[in-house]
Protein backbone atom coordinates (compact mmCIF):
# COMPACT_ATOMS: atom_id res chain seq x y z
CA MET A 1 -24.45 -1.80 25.20
CA SER A 2 -24.97 -1.47 21.46
CA LEU A 3 -21.66 -3.01 20.39
CA ARG A 4 -20.67 -6.49 21.57
CA LEU A 5 -17.17 -7.88 21.30
CA LEU A 6 -16.44 -11.57 21.76
CA THR A 7 -13.16 -13.40 21.21
CA ALA A 8 -12.29 -17.09 21.18
CA GLY A 9 -9.17 -19.17 20.71
CA GLU A 10 -6.05 -20.13 22.63
CA SER A 11 -2.55 -18.74 22.58
CA HIS A 12 -1.08 -21.74 20.75
CA GLY A 13 -4.24 -23.00 19.09
CA PRO A 14 -4.70 -22.76 15.32
CA GLU A 15 -6.31 -19.31 15.36
CA LEU A 16 -8.01 -16.53 17.25
CA VAL A 17 -11.60 -15.71 16.40
CA VAL A 18 -13.29 -12.33 16.85
CA VAL A 19 -16.98 -11.43 16.60
CA LEU A 20 -18.02 -7.77 16.64
CA ASP A 21 -21.80 -7.51 16.74
CA GLY A 22 -23.77 -4.29 16.37
CA MET A 23 -21.74 -2.35 13.82
CA PRO A 24 -24.05 -0.26 11.65
CA ALA A 25 -24.27 -0.81 7.91
CA GLY A 26 -22.28 1.36 5.55
CA VAL A 27 -19.04 1.89 7.50
CA PRO A 28 -16.03 1.74 5.14
CA ILE A 29 -13.45 -0.85 6.23
CA ASP A 30 -9.82 -0.75 5.13
CA GLN A 31 -8.25 -4.20 5.50
CA GLU A 32 -4.73 -2.76 5.52
CA GLU A 33 -5.67 -0.39 8.36
CA VAL A 34 -6.77 -3.35 10.49
CA ASP A 35 -3.50 -5.17 9.83
CA HIS A 36 -1.59 -1.95 10.55
CA HIS A 37 -2.99 -1.89 14.09
CA LEU A 38 -2.14 -5.56 14.53
CA ARG A 39 1.47 -4.79 13.62
CA ARG A 40 1.53 -1.89 16.09
CA ARG A 41 0.53 -4.29 18.87
CA GLN A 42 3.47 -6.55 18.04
CA GLN A 43 6.05 -3.78 18.23
CA GLY A 44 7.83 -2.12 21.13
CA TYR A 45 11.23 -2.55 22.74
CA GLY A 46 11.18 -5.43 25.20
CA ARG A 47 8.79 -7.66 23.28
CA GLY A 48 9.63 -11.35 23.02
CA ALA A 49 10.59 -13.36 19.96
CA ARG A 50 7.08 -14.64 19.32
CA SER A 51 5.70 -11.16 18.69
CA THR A 52 8.67 -9.85 16.76
CA LYS A 53 9.83 -12.91 14.80
CA VAL A 54 7.18 -15.66 14.73
CA GLU A 55 3.71 -14.18 14.36
CA ARG A 56 2.71 -12.16 11.30
CA ASP A 57 -0.78 -11.17 12.36
CA HIS A 58 -3.35 -10.75 9.62
CA ALA A 59 -7.07 -10.21 10.12
CA GLU A 60 -9.13 -12.34 7.75
CA ILE A 61 -12.60 -10.79 7.71
CA VAL A 62 -14.99 -13.63 6.92
CA SER A 63 -18.41 -12.03 7.41
CA GLY A 64 -20.21 -8.75 7.96
CA VAL A 65 -18.30 -6.76 5.33
CA PHE A 66 -19.29 -6.63 1.63
CA GLN A 67 -17.37 -4.71 -1.02
CA GLY A 68 -15.46 -2.81 1.63
CA ARG A 69 -18.42 -1.72 3.79
CA THR A 70 -20.14 -3.18 6.80
CA THR A 71 -23.53 -4.78 6.20
CA GLY A 72 -25.01 -4.49 9.70
CA ALA A 73 -24.51 -8.21 10.29
CA PRO A 74 -22.06 -9.51 12.91
CA ILE A 75 -18.46 -9.18 11.75
CA ALA A 76 -16.30 -12.28 12.15
CA ILE A 77 -12.51 -12.24 11.93
CA ARG A 78 -9.90 -15.00 11.96
CA ILE A 79 -6.27 -14.40 13.00
CA ALA A 80 -4.03 -17.41 12.40
CA ASN A 81 -1.45 -18.36 15.05
CA GLN A 82 1.78 -19.08 13.21
CA ASP A 83 3.33 -20.60 16.33
CA TYR A 84 0.69 -23.34 16.22
CA LEU A 85 2.79 -25.04 13.56
CA ASN A 86 5.72 -25.22 16.01
CA GLN A 87 3.82 -27.10 18.71
CA PRO A 88 4.80 -30.76 19.29
CA ALA A 89 2.33 -33.34 18.05
CA ALA A 90 2.94 -35.76 20.92
CA PRO A 91 1.16 -35.17 24.24
CA ARG A 92 3.28 -33.37 26.81
CA PRO A 93 3.41 -34.00 30.56
CA PRO A 94 0.85 -31.84 32.38
CA ILE A 95 1.96 -28.61 34.01
CA THR A 96 0.83 -28.67 37.63
CA VAL A 97 2.81 -25.87 39.31
CA PRO A 98 0.95 -22.52 39.09
CA ARG A 99 2.85 -19.31 38.46
CA PRO A 100 2.32 -16.43 40.90
CA GLY A 101 0.65 -13.46 39.27
CA HIS A 102 -1.15 -15.53 36.62
CA ALA A 103 -4.59 -17.08 36.25
CA ASP A 104 -3.11 -20.56 36.81
CA LEU A 105 -4.15 -21.28 40.40
CA ALA A 106 -7.58 -19.64 40.48
CA GLY A 107 -8.43 -21.01 37.04
CA ALA A 108 -7.36 -24.55 37.91
CA VAL A 109 -9.54 -24.57 41.03
CA LYS A 110 -12.47 -22.92 39.29
CA TYR A 111 -12.53 -25.21 36.24
CA GLY A 112 -10.97 -28.34 37.67
CA ALA A 113 -8.05 -28.28 35.24
CA GLN A 114 -5.52 -31.07 35.69
CA ASP A 115 -3.09 -29.40 33.28
CA LEU A 116 -2.53 -25.68 33.75
CA ARG A 117 -2.18 -25.26 29.99
CA GLN A 118 -5.98 -25.38 29.91
CA ILE A 119 -6.00 -22.08 31.83
CA ARG A 120 -2.92 -20.26 30.62
CA GLU A 121 -3.67 -20.81 26.94
CA ARG A 122 -6.84 -18.73 27.14
CA ALA A 123 -5.55 -16.29 29.77
CA SER A 124 -2.56 -15.42 27.60
CA ALA A 125 -2.26 -11.83 26.36
CA ARG A 126 -2.13 -13.27 22.85
CA GLU A 127 -5.93 -12.92 23.01
CA THR A 128 -5.56 -9.16 22.76
CA ALA A 129 -4.70 -9.44 19.06
CA GLY A 130 -8.40 -10.08 18.52
CA ARG A 131 -9.32 -7.00 20.52
CA VAL A 132 -6.99 -4.84 18.45
CA ALA A 133 -8.60 -6.06 15.23
CA ALA A 134 -12.05 -5.26 16.64
CA GLY A 135 -10.81 -1.89 17.84
CA ALA A 136 -9.66 -1.05 14.32
CA LEU A 137 -13.18 -1.75 13.04
CA ALA A 138 -14.70 0.38 15.80
CA GLY A 139 -12.19 3.09 14.90
CA ALA A 140 -13.52 3.11 11.35
CA LEU A 141 -16.90 4.16 12.75
CA LEU A 142 -15.35 6.80 15.01
CA SER A 143 -13.44 8.24 12.05
CA GLU A 144 -16.72 9.02 10.30
CA PHE A 145 -17.41 11.39 13.21
CA SER A 146 -13.84 12.80 13.12
CA ILE A 147 -13.07 11.18 16.49
CA GLU A 148 -9.40 10.29 16.89
CA VAL A 149 -7.86 7.95 19.46
CA GLY A 150 -4.16 7.75 20.34
CA SER A 151 -1.74 6.74 23.06
CA PHE A 152 1.74 7.25 24.47
CA VAL A 153 3.87 5.77 27.25
CA THR A 154 4.64 7.91 30.31
CA SER A 155 6.80 5.54 32.39
CA VAL A 156 8.65 2.24 32.31
CA GLY A 157 9.93 0.93 35.62
CA MET A 158 11.48 3.83 37.53
CA ILE A 159 11.92 5.96 34.41
CA THR A 160 9.12 8.47 34.31
CA THR A 161 8.18 11.38 32.14
CA GLY A 162 4.97 13.28 32.17
CA TRP A 163 2.83 16.03 30.81
CA ASP A 164 0.23 18.23 32.43
CA LEU A 165 -2.73 16.09 31.40
CA ALA A 166 -5.25 18.64 32.68
CA HIS A 167 -4.04 21.31 30.27
CA LEU A 168 -3.23 19.45 27.04
CA SER A 169 -5.37 20.38 24.06
CA GLY A 170 -6.57 17.83 21.57
CA GLU A 171 -3.96 19.05 19.08
CA GLU A 172 -1.19 18.65 21.66
CA LEU A 173 -2.34 15.13 22.53
CA LEU A 174 -2.37 14.16 18.86
CA ALA A 175 1.15 15.56 18.44
CA LEU A 176 2.39 13.48 21.38
CA ALA A 177 0.80 10.36 19.88
CA ALA A 178 2.40 11.09 16.51
CA ALA A 179 5.81 11.36 18.17
CA ALA A 180 5.13 8.13 20.06
CA GLU A 181 4.49 6.30 16.77
CA ARG A 182 8.08 7.01 15.77
CA ASP A 183 9.59 5.62 18.98
CA GLN A 184 10.18 2.00 19.95
CA MET A 185 9.00 2.65 23.51
CA ARG A 186 5.97 4.71 22.33
CA CYS A 187 7.33 7.57 24.43
CA PRO A 188 7.30 11.10 22.91
CA ASP A 189 10.15 12.24 25.18
CA GLN A 190 13.30 11.04 23.41
CA SER A 191 15.63 11.39 26.39
CA ALA A 192 13.26 9.45 28.63
CA ALA A 193 12.70 6.86 25.90
CA GLN A 194 16.43 6.13 25.73
CA LEU A 195 16.54 5.66 29.51
CA MET A 196 13.58 3.28 29.20
CA VAL A 197 15.45 1.20 26.63
CA GLU A 198 18.42 0.99 28.97
CA ALA A 199 16.15 -0.03 31.84
CA VAL A 200 14.68 -2.84 29.73
CA ASP A 201 18.20 -4.04 28.89
CA ARG A 202 19.12 -4.11 32.58
CA ALA A 203 15.94 -6.01 33.41
CA ARG A 204 16.73 -8.60 30.75
CA LEU A 205 20.20 -9.16 32.18
CA GLY A 206 18.74 -9.37 35.68
CA ARG A 207 16.12 -11.95 34.62
CA GLU A 208 13.37 -9.47 35.46
CA THR A 209 10.41 -7.75 33.80
CA LEU A 210 9.17 -4.15 33.89
CA GLY A 211 5.78 -2.48 34.00
CA GLY A 212 4.85 1.15 33.56
CA THR A 213 2.13 3.63 32.70
CA PHE A 214 0.54 4.83 29.49
CA VAL A 215 -2.06 7.35 28.38
CA VAL A 216 -4.92 6.70 25.96
CA PHE A 217 -6.95 9.67 24.76
CA ALA A 218 -9.74 10.57 22.34
CA THR A 219 -10.39 13.92 20.72
CA ASN A 220 -13.41 15.62 19.10
CA LEU A 221 -15.96 13.71 21.15
CA PRO A 222 -19.53 15.00 21.10
CA LEU A 223 -21.16 16.02 24.34
CA GLY A 224 -23.25 13.42 26.08
CA LEU A 225 -21.76 10.02 25.25
CA GLY A 226 -22.64 7.80 28.18
CA SER A 227 -25.29 8.55 30.77
CA HIS A 228 -25.76 9.54 34.40
CA THR A 229 -29.03 7.62 34.72
CA GLN A 230 -27.69 4.18 35.71
CA TRP A 231 -24.41 3.02 37.19
CA ASP A 232 -23.60 0.72 34.30
CA LEU A 233 -24.24 3.42 31.69
CA ARG A 234 -21.65 5.84 33.07
CA LEU A 235 -18.95 6.15 30.42
CA ASP A 236 -16.04 6.42 32.83
CA GLY A 237 -17.14 3.20 34.53
CA ARG A 238 -17.41 1.41 31.18
CA LEU A 239 -13.99 2.67 30.12
CA ALA A 240 -12.36 1.72 33.41
CA GLY A 241 -13.74 -1.80 33.19
CA ALA A 242 -12.51 -2.15 29.62
CA MET A 243 -9.02 -0.95 30.49
CA LEU A 244 -8.74 -3.15 33.56
CA SER A 245 -9.61 -6.12 31.37
CA VAL A 246 -6.28 -5.67 29.54
CA PRO A 247 -3.85 -8.25 30.96
CA ALA A 248 -1.50 -6.84 33.64
CA VAL A 249 -3.31 -3.47 33.86
CA LYS A 250 -4.05 -2.94 37.54
CA GLY A 251 -4.92 0.74 37.78
CA VAL A 252 -6.88 3.32 35.76
CA GLU A 253 -7.47 7.03 36.24
CA VAL A 254 -9.63 9.36 34.16
CA GLY A 255 -7.71 12.60 33.87
CA PRO A 256 -5.09 13.30 36.54
CA ALA A 257 -7.37 11.71 39.15
CA PHE A 258 -4.79 11.01 41.85
CA GLU A 259 -3.40 14.51 41.54
CA VAL A 260 -6.91 15.93 41.76
CA ALA A 261 -7.53 13.91 44.93
CA ARG A 262 -4.94 16.07 46.71
CA MET A 263 -6.43 19.38 45.57
CA GLN A 264 -9.02 21.70 47.08
CA GLY A 265 -12.42 21.44 45.45
CA SER A 266 -12.42 24.97 44.08
CA LEU A 267 -9.17 24.27 42.22
CA ALA A 268 -10.11 20.85 40.89
CA GLN A 269 -12.96 21.94 38.61
CA ASP A 270 -12.97 22.93 34.95
CA PRO A 271 -14.69 26.35 34.67
CA ILE A 272 -16.93 26.66 31.62
CA ALA A 273 -15.91 29.43 29.23
CA SER A 274 -18.22 28.52 26.35
CA VAL A 275 -20.53 25.79 25.14
CA THR A 276 -19.95 26.43 21.43
CA GLY A 277 -16.33 27.57 21.07
CA SER A 278 -13.22 25.57 20.24
CA ALA A 279 -11.86 26.02 23.79
CA PRO A 280 -14.86 25.57 26.10
CA ARG A 281 -12.79 25.01 29.26
CA ARG A 282 -9.54 26.36 30.68
CA SER A 283 -8.59 22.97 32.14
CA ASN A 284 -9.49 19.29 31.94
CA PHE A 285 -9.12 17.90 35.43
CA ALA A 286 -12.23 15.75 34.78
CA GLY A 287 -10.45 13.97 31.95
CA GLY A 288 -13.29 14.68 29.54
CA VAL A 289 -16.05 12.96 31.56
CA GLU A 290 -18.49 14.64 33.97
CA GLY A 291 -21.41 12.80 35.54
CA GLY A 292 -20.64 9.70 33.48
CA MET A 293 -20.88 11.59 30.17
CA THR A 294 -18.43 13.21 27.77
CA ASP A 295 -18.23 16.96 28.38
CA GLY A 296 -16.71 18.13 25.09
CA GLN A 297 -13.13 18.00 26.34
CA PRO A 298 -10.56 15.41 25.20
CA LEU A 299 -11.00 12.08 26.95
CA VAL A 300 -7.77 11.31 28.82
CA ILE A 301 -7.14 7.99 30.58
CA ARG A 302 -3.94 6.83 32.24
CA CYS A 303 -3.32 3.16 33.04
CA ALA A 304 -0.81 1.40 35.29
CA MET A 305 0.58 -1.92 34.10
CA LYS A 306 2.30 -4.23 36.56
CA PRO A 307 5.58 -5.97 35.66
CA LEU A 308 4.84 -9.12 33.68
CA SER A 309 4.55 -12.15 35.93
CA SER A 310 6.60 -14.58 33.82
CA VAL A 311 10.06 -13.93 35.26
CA ARG A 312 13.18 -16.04 35.12
CA ALA A 313 14.02 -15.22 38.73
CA PRO A 314 13.03 -18.06 41.11
CA LEU A 315 9.57 -17.83 42.71
CA ALA A 316 7.91 -20.03 45.30
CA SER A 317 4.85 -22.09 44.42
CA VAL A 318 3.18 -25.44 45.16
CA ASP A 319 2.74 -28.46 42.92
CA LEU A 320 -1.02 -29.01 42.73
CA ALA A 321 -0.48 -32.71 41.98
CA THR A 322 1.67 -33.49 45.04
CA GLY A 323 1.16 -30.56 47.42
CA ALA A 324 4.92 -30.14 47.69
CA GLY A 325 6.67 -26.83 47.34
CA SER A 326 8.01 -26.33 43.85
CA GLU A 327 9.32 -23.63 41.54
CA PRO A 328 7.00 -22.94 38.58
CA PRO A 329 8.34 -23.47 35.07
CA TYR A 330 9.40 -20.42 33.12
CA ILE A 331 7.18 -19.69 30.14
CA ARG A 332 8.69 -17.37 27.53
CA SER A 333 7.59 -13.81 27.97
CA ASP A 334 8.22 -10.21 27.07
CA ILE A 335 10.56 -8.17 29.24
CA CYS A 336 8.34 -5.12 28.87
CA ALA A 337 5.01 -4.87 27.05
CA VAL A 338 3.91 -1.37 28.07
CA PRO A 339 4.06 -0.02 24.47
CA ALA A 340 1.94 -2.93 23.26
CA ALA A 341 -0.52 -2.51 26.14
CA ALA A 342 -1.04 1.11 25.08
CA VAL A 343 -2.11 -0.09 21.63
CA VAL A 344 -4.49 -2.62 23.19
CA GLY A 345 -5.81 0.17 25.42
CA GLU A 346 -6.55 2.24 22.33
CA ALA A 347 -8.57 -0.65 20.92
CA MET A 348 -10.65 -0.99 24.06
CA VAL A 349 -11.34 2.74 24.15
CA ARG A 350 -12.44 2.63 20.50
CA VAL A 351 -14.85 -0.23 21.17
CA VAL A 352 -16.40 1.48 24.21
CA LEU A 353 -16.69 4.86 22.46
CA ALA A 354 -18.18 3.30 19.34
CA SER A 355 -20.78 1.57 21.48
CA ALA A 356 -21.58 4.84 23.27
CA LEU A 357 -21.83 6.59 19.90
CA LEU A 358 -24.35 3.98 18.74
CA ASP A 359 -26.34 4.51 21.94
CA ARG A 360 -26.36 8.27 21.33
CA PHE A 361 -27.28 8.38 17.64
CA GLY A 362 -28.84 5.03 16.82
CA GLY A 363 -27.07 2.22 15.09
CA ASP A 364 -28.67 0.58 12.05
CA ARG A 365 -27.01 2.65 9.30
CA LEU A 366 -24.08 5.02 9.19
CA ASP A 367 -25.93 7.62 7.08
CA LEU A 368 -28.77 7.81 9.61
CA MET A 369 -26.29 8.18 12.48
CA LEU A 370 -24.51 11.02 10.70
CA ALA A 371 -27.86 12.69 10.00
CA ALA A 372 -28.84 12.38 13.66
CA ALA A 373 -25.56 13.96 14.71
CA SER A 374 -25.65 16.76 12.13
CA GLY A 375 -28.21 18.82 14.05
CA LEU A 376 -25.92 19.21 17.04
CA GLY A 377 -23.97 22.33 17.82
CA PRO A 378 -20.21 22.69 17.31
CA ALA A 379 -19.51 21.28 20.75
CA GLY A 380 -21.51 18.18 19.94
CA GLY A 381 -24.63 19.14 21.89
CA ASP A 382 -27.96 20.70 21.00
CA VAL A 383 -27.62 24.29 22.16
CA SER A 384 -30.75 25.69 20.50
């Protein structure tokens, strides 16, 4: 892949560190836009006190950007952890009881950790702040090609709302995302959003957590991002892997995939009306990807997020130090983080699409990429 994203740092360490390697030279970077996306990740009804009251995430870009434009060198970013200042200076007793649903047990065995903090600090979803910062940078490149990425929540717990994903235009998707930006649950359906808020309140009182589903989409994609030639070049595979890397996301579908699985083949296709017009297909059951490549339709991905594993309700576990049954300690957590996960999902989609864009049009300089793309037809493909 042309774009490489690496993060480092622990949840309660002094800072998170991000390296984005492969960005072409000449891309304009707006520092406030990066911080705007970081704030979006911290919002959402059901978030815990750390996100809403403690951290004030700010991306300090320390290399790879000069006078507001990328240089082509690796971009490095620091994000300070404000909660680091609240950590006790004295050593604390080791945590030896793993929490079900977390990386604690597998990580302790794999790395020989005697204190589960060594595992949970890095496995924490706090790491996704770095991904969101990188996604904002990748989004700056996509914007130069008029590619827009957005998201909205479609369910929280048992409260569901939905749209016909196979028949939403790019304009309709953007309108849903705009409505989601104005809602604390990132849900465009106001009546459903209120029910989601009430469900989160009930979960809090019941010492529980809630998961849900969200949609991430991209519009105005050129034809042919990705490739059919190797399994690891297929864009849908790359996107699915990126989305499943988001903590607590356990399922991904491109387009309404599980609905399509119940349909007859003749009804599950997207007949081609034109290769140059603004409405080339009458449907989008493929979710914008055919044969591992973008097909000119909006990219539509839906993700399923499990309920967060840090619950106050009692759970069975085993003390790794003694072998005796024991209840794991409660570590502060969100009640519901589906709105935040949608923002993280946007970031991952931006990074994958930016990498695919670099593969398609070359990646040393923005002006050369734009020149390479300028000879394509209106649908983003050479139709000469």
